[in-house]
Amino acid sequence: MTLYEEKLYPENYTFKYPKAGEKNAVVRIFVYDPGTGKSTEMKTGAEKYQYIPRIKWTKNPQVLSVIRENRLQNHIEILLADAHSGKTSVVYSEKNK
């Protein structure tokens, strides 16, 4: 992917994508507080190889909205995550057989 930032020339950025037979990446979400220098991990569940396609701040600046899917992408959940504690709660869940 080409990054067009406030630089004289664009830069290329490559993503790590597992090929067949390689291990999937372990995905974790952290919120960093620049005032304290502390990072807090959001507790997104025990599934090791989950897929997190979207993370977004809600209107409440202390709460993140996280979309979580299993690797088969037949189970989706929307979580709300507390930025200070890392605790999450499921607000929507949908399964496809």
N, C-alpha and C. Protein backbone atom coordinates (compact mmCIF):
# COMPACT_ATOMS: atom_id res chain seq x y z
N MET A 1 0.85 -1.15 0.00
CA MET A 1 0.00 0.00 0.00
C MET A 1 0.91 1.23 0.00
N THR A 2 0.56 2.19 -0.79
CA THR A 2 1.33 3.42 -0.85
C THR A 2 0.75 4.43 0.13
N LEU A 3 1.62 5.01 0.97
CA LEU A 3 1.21 6.01 1.94
C LEU A 3 1.56 7.39 1.42
N TYR A 4 0.56 8.23 1.29
CA TYR A 4 0.77 9.62 0.87
C TYR A 4 0.58 10.50 2.10
N GLU A 5 1.67 10.78 2.78
CA GLU A 5 1.61 11.59 3.99
C GLU A 5 2.18 12.96 3.67
N GLU A 6 2.51 13.69 4.68
CA GLU A 6 3.07 15.03 4.49
C GLU A 6 4.57 14.97 4.27
N LYS A 7 4.97 14.14 3.32
CA LYS A 7 6.38 13.98 2.98
C LYS A 7 6.56 14.32 1.51
N LEU A 8 7.80 14.52 1.12
CA LEU A 8 8.09 14.87 -0.26
C LEU A 8 7.74 13.74 -1.21
N TYR A 9 8.02 12.50 -0.81
CA TYR A 9 7.75 11.34 -1.66
C TYR A 9 6.88 10.33 -0.90
N PRO A 10 5.99 9.63 -1.61
CA PRO A 10 5.19 8.60 -0.95
C PRO A 10 6.08 7.41 -0.55
N GLU A 11 5.62 6.66 0.45
CA GLU A 11 6.34 5.48 0.90
C GLU A 11 5.45 4.26 0.76
N ASN A 12 6.07 3.11 0.50
CA ASN A 12 5.34 1.85 0.42
C ASN A 12 5.29 1.19 1.80
N TYR A 13 4.14 0.63 2.12
CA TYR A 13 3.95 -0.09 3.38
C TYR A 13 3.46 -1.48 3.03
N THR A 14 4.06 -2.50 3.62
CA THR A 14 3.63 -3.87 3.36
C THR A 14 2.96 -4.46 4.59
N PHE A 15 1.94 -5.26 4.35
CA PHE A 15 1.20 -5.93 5.41
C PHE A 15 1.65 -7.37 5.50
N LYS A 16 1.72 -7.89 6.70
CA LYS A 16 1.99 -9.31 6.90
C LYS A 16 0.69 -10.04 6.71
N TYR A 17 0.66 -10.95 5.74
CA TYR A 17 -0.54 -11.73 5.47
C TYR A 17 -0.11 -13.19 5.40
N PRO A 18 -0.69 -14.06 6.24
CA PRO A 18 -0.24 -15.46 6.25
C PRO A 18 -0.62 -16.19 4.97
N LYS A 19 0.32 -16.94 4.45
CA LYS A 19 0.07 -17.79 3.29
C LYS A 19 -0.40 -19.15 3.79
N ALA A 20 -0.91 -19.96 2.89
CA ALA A 20 -1.38 -21.29 3.26
C ALA A 20 -0.28 -22.05 3.98
N GLY A 21 -0.61 -22.61 5.14
CA GLY A 21 0.36 -23.36 5.92
C GLY A 21 1.07 -22.54 6.98
N GLU A 22 1.01 -21.22 6.88
CA GLU A 22 1.63 -20.37 7.90
C GLU A 22 0.64 -20.13 9.04
N LYS A 23 1.18 -19.78 10.20
CA LYS A 23 0.33 -19.48 11.35
C LYS A 23 -0.32 -18.11 11.16
N ASN A 24 -1.56 -17.99 11.64
CA ASN A 24 -2.24 -16.69 11.62
C ASN A 24 -1.66 -15.78 12.69
N ALA A 25 -1.75 -14.50 12.46
CA ALA A 25 -1.30 -13.52 13.45
C ALA A 25 -2.24 -13.50 14.64
N VAL A 26 -1.70 -13.27 15.81
CA VAL A 26 -2.51 -13.10 17.02
C VAL A 26 -2.83 -11.61 17.13
N VAL A 27 -4.12 -11.28 17.21
CA VAL A 27 -4.56 -9.89 17.20
C VAL A 27 -4.94 -9.46 18.62
N ARG A 28 -4.40 -8.32 19.05
CA ARG A 28 -4.75 -7.75 20.35
C ARG A 28 -4.92 -6.24 20.17
N ILE A 29 -5.76 -5.65 21.01
CA ILE A 29 -6.03 -4.21 20.94
C ILE A 29 -5.54 -3.57 22.24
N PHE A 30 -4.79 -2.48 22.09
CA PHE A 30 -4.33 -1.72 23.24
C PHE A 30 -4.74 -0.26 23.08
N VAL A 31 -5.02 0.40 24.21
CA VAL A 31 -5.26 1.84 24.23
C VAL A 31 -4.12 2.44 25.03
N TYR A 32 -3.45 3.42 24.44
CA TYR A 32 -2.30 4.07 25.07
C TYR A 32 -2.72 5.42 25.64
N ASP A 33 -2.37 5.67 26.90
CA ASP A 33 -2.64 6.95 27.55
C ASP A 33 -1.35 7.75 27.58
N PRO A 34 -1.24 8.80 26.75
CA PRO A 34 0.01 9.56 26.71
C PRO A 34 0.31 10.30 28.01
N GLY A 35 -0.71 10.58 28.82
CA GLY A 35 -0.49 11.26 30.09
C GLY A 35 0.23 10.41 31.11
N THR A 36 -0.11 9.12 31.13
CA THR A 36 0.51 8.21 32.10
C THR A 36 1.57 7.31 31.48
N GLY A 37 1.55 7.20 30.16
CA GLY A 37 2.47 6.29 29.48
C GLY A 37 2.05 4.84 29.60
N LYS A 38 0.81 4.61 30.03
CA LYS A 38 0.31 3.26 30.26
C LYS A 38 -0.51 2.76 29.07
N SER A 39 -0.31 1.49 28.71
CA SER A 39 -1.11 0.83 27.69
C SER A 39 -2.05 -0.16 28.36
N THR A 40 -3.32 -0.15 27.96
CA THR A 40 -4.31 -1.05 28.52
C THR A 40 -4.82 -1.96 27.42
N GLU A 41 -4.74 -3.27 27.65
CA GLU A 41 -5.23 -4.22 26.65
C GLU A 41 -6.74 -4.38 26.78
N MET A 42 -7.44 -4.31 25.65
CA MET A 42 -8.88 -4.54 25.62
C MET A 42 -9.11 -6.05 25.59
N LYS A 43 -9.98 -6.53 26.45
CA LYS A 43 -10.23 -7.97 26.58
C LYS A 43 -11.26 -8.38 25.52
N THR A 44 -10.77 -8.86 24.38
CA THR A 44 -11.65 -9.18 23.25
C THR A 44 -12.05 -10.64 23.19
N GLY A 45 -11.70 -11.43 24.18
CA GLY A 45 -12.13 -12.82 24.20
C GLY A 45 -10.98 -13.80 24.18
N ALA A 46 -11.31 -15.05 24.43
CA ALA A 46 -10.29 -16.10 24.56
C ALA A 46 -9.86 -16.69 23.22
N GLU A 47 -10.66 -16.48 22.17
CA GLU A 47 -10.30 -17.05 20.87
C GLU A 47 -8.99 -16.44 20.39
N LYS A 48 -8.02 -17.29 20.13
CA LYS A 48 -6.66 -16.82 19.82
C LYS A 48 -6.57 -16.18 18.43
N TYR A 49 -7.23 -16.77 17.44
CA TYR A 49 -7.10 -16.29 16.06
C TYR A 49 -8.38 -15.62 15.58
N GLN A 50 -8.79 -14.59 16.27
CA GLN A 50 -9.99 -13.86 15.86
C GLN A 50 -9.64 -12.80 14.82
N TYR A 51 -10.65 -12.32 14.16
CA TYR A 51 -10.51 -11.31 13.12
C TYR A 51 -11.21 -10.05 13.61
N ILE A 52 -10.50 -8.93 13.60
CA ILE A 52 -11.08 -7.66 14.08
C ILE A 52 -11.02 -6.66 12.93
N PRO A 53 -12.11 -6.59 12.13
CA PRO A 53 -12.08 -5.72 10.96
C PRO A 53 -12.30 -4.24 11.25
N ARG A 54 -12.90 -3.89 12.38
CA ARG A 54 -13.18 -2.47 12.66
C ARG A 54 -13.00 -2.16 14.14
N ILE A 55 -12.37 -1.03 14.41
CA ILE A 55 -12.26 -0.47 15.76
C ILE A 55 -12.57 1.01 15.62
N LYS A 56 -13.42 1.52 16.48
CA LYS A 56 -13.84 2.91 16.33
C LYS A 56 -14.20 3.49 17.70
N TRP A 57 -13.86 4.74 17.93
CA TRP A 57 -14.31 5.41 19.15
C TRP A 57 -15.79 5.70 19.04
N THR A 58 -16.52 5.56 20.15
CA THR A 58 -17.93 5.92 20.18
C THR A 58 -18.03 7.40 20.52
N LYS A 59 -19.25 7.89 20.68
CA LYS A 59 -19.44 9.29 21.09
C LYS A 59 -18.89 9.53 22.49
N ASN A 60 -18.84 8.47 23.29
CA ASN A 60 -18.23 8.54 24.62
C ASN A 60 -16.72 8.34 24.43
N PRO A 61 -15.89 9.32 24.76
CA PRO A 61 -14.45 9.21 24.50
C PRO A 61 -13.73 8.15 25.34
N GLN A 62 -14.44 7.48 26.24
CA GLN A 62 -13.83 6.42 27.05
C GLN A 62 -14.21 5.03 26.56
N VAL A 63 -14.99 4.96 25.47
CA VAL A 63 -15.51 3.67 25.02
C VAL A 63 -15.19 3.44 23.54
N LEU A 64 -14.62 2.26 23.27
CA LEU A 64 -14.34 1.83 21.89
C LEU A 64 -15.43 0.88 21.43
N SER A 65 -15.75 0.93 20.15
CA SER A 65 -16.61 -0.06 19.52
C SER A 65 -15.70 -0.99 18.72
N VAL A 66 -15.84 -2.29 18.94
CA VAL A 66 -14.98 -3.27 18.29
C VAL A 66 -15.85 -4.31 17.61
N ILE A 67 -15.59 -4.56 16.33
CA ILE A 67 -16.27 -5.65 15.63
C ILE A 67 -15.32 -6.84 15.64
N ARG A 68 -15.82 -7.97 16.13
CA ARG A 68 -15.02 -9.18 16.26
C ARG A 68 -15.69 -10.31 15.48
N GLU A 69 -14.89 -11.06 14.71
CA GLU A 69 -15.39 -12.22 13.98
C GLU A 69 -14.48 -13.41 14.24
N ASN A 70 -15.04 -14.61 14.14
CA ASN A 70 -14.18 -15.78 14.20
C ASN A 70 -13.50 -15.93 12.83
N ARG A 71 -12.51 -16.80 12.74
CA ARG A 71 -11.75 -16.93 11.49
C ARG A 71 -12.60 -17.43 10.34
N LEU A 72 -13.64 -18.20 10.61
CA LEU A 72 -14.54 -18.65 9.55
C LEU A 72 -15.45 -17.52 9.07
N GLN A 73 -15.51 -16.45 9.84
CA GLN A 73 -16.34 -15.28 9.57
C GLN A 73 -17.82 -15.64 9.44
N ASN A 74 -18.26 -16.59 10.28
CA ASN A 74 -19.68 -16.92 10.33
C ASN A 74 -20.30 -16.55 11.68
N HIS A 75 -19.51 -15.89 12.52
CA HIS A 75 -20.01 -15.39 13.81
C HIS A 75 -19.41 -14.01 14.03
N ILE A 76 -20.29 -13.01 14.12
CA ILE A 76 -19.85 -11.63 14.31
C ILE A 76 -20.42 -11.09 15.61
N GLU A 77 -19.62 -10.30 16.30
CA GLU A 77 -20.07 -9.65 17.53
C GLU A 77 -19.59 -8.21 17.54
N ILE A 78 -20.42 -7.34 18.10
CA ILE A 78 -20.01 -5.96 18.33
C ILE A 78 -19.80 -5.82 19.83
N LEU A 79 -18.61 -5.36 20.19
CA LEU A 79 -18.25 -5.19 21.59
C LEU A 79 -18.11 -3.72 21.91
N LEU A 80 -18.39 -3.35 23.15
CA LEU A 80 -18.04 -2.04 23.66
C LEU A 80 -16.94 -2.27 24.68
N ALA A 81 -15.83 -1.54 24.53
CA ALA A 81 -14.66 -1.73 25.38
C ALA A 81 -14.38 -0.46 26.18
N ASP A 82 -14.20 -0.61 27.48
CA ASP A 82 -13.85 0.50 28.35
C ASP A 82 -12.35 0.78 28.20
N ALA A 83 -11.99 1.98 27.78
CA ALA A 83 -10.60 2.32 27.49
C ALA A 83 -9.71 2.28 28.73
N HIS A 84 -10.28 2.49 29.92
CA HIS A 84 -9.47 2.51 31.14
C HIS A 84 -9.26 1.12 31.72
N SER A 85 -10.30 0.31 31.75
CA SER A 85 -10.20 -1.01 32.38
C SER A 85 -9.90 -2.13 31.38
N GLY A 86 -10.28 -1.93 30.12
CA GLY A 86 -10.11 -2.98 29.12
C GLY A 86 -11.27 -3.96 29.08
N LYS A 87 -12.22 -3.81 30.00
CA LYS A 87 -13.37 -4.71 30.04
C LYS A 87 -14.27 -4.47 28.83
N THR A 88 -14.83 -5.55 28.30
CA THR A 88 -15.71 -5.45 27.14
C THR A 88 -17.06 -6.10 27.44
N SER A 89 -18.06 -5.68 26.68
CA SER A 89 -19.38 -6.30 26.76
C SER A 89 -19.91 -6.44 25.34
N VAL A 90 -20.57 -7.56 25.08
CA VAL A 90 -21.16 -7.82 23.77
C VAL A 90 -22.50 -7.11 23.70
N VAL A 91 -22.68 -6.26 22.68
CA VAL A 91 -23.95 -5.56 22.51
C VAL A 91 -24.74 -6.10 21.32
N TYR A 92 -24.07 -6.89 20.46
CA TYR A 92 -24.76 -7.49 19.31
C TYR A 92 -24.01 -8.75 18.92
N SER A 93 -24.76 -9.80 18.57
CA SER A 93 -24.15 -11.06 18.14
C SER A 93 -25.01 -11.68 17.05
N GLU A 94 -24.35 -12.21 16.02
CA GLU A 94 -25.07 -12.86 14.92
C GLU A 94 -24.26 -14.05 14.43
N LYS A 95 -24.93 -15.20 14.26
CA LYS A 95 -24.27 -16.41 13.75
C LYS A 95 -24.93 -16.85 12.46
N ASN A 96 -24.12 -17.34 11.55
CA ASN A 96 -24.60 -17.91 10.30
C ASN A 96 -24.13 -19.35 10.27
N LYS A 97 -25.03 -20.27 10.02
CA LYS A 97 -24.67 -21.69 10.06
C LYS A 97 -23.91 -22.14 8.89
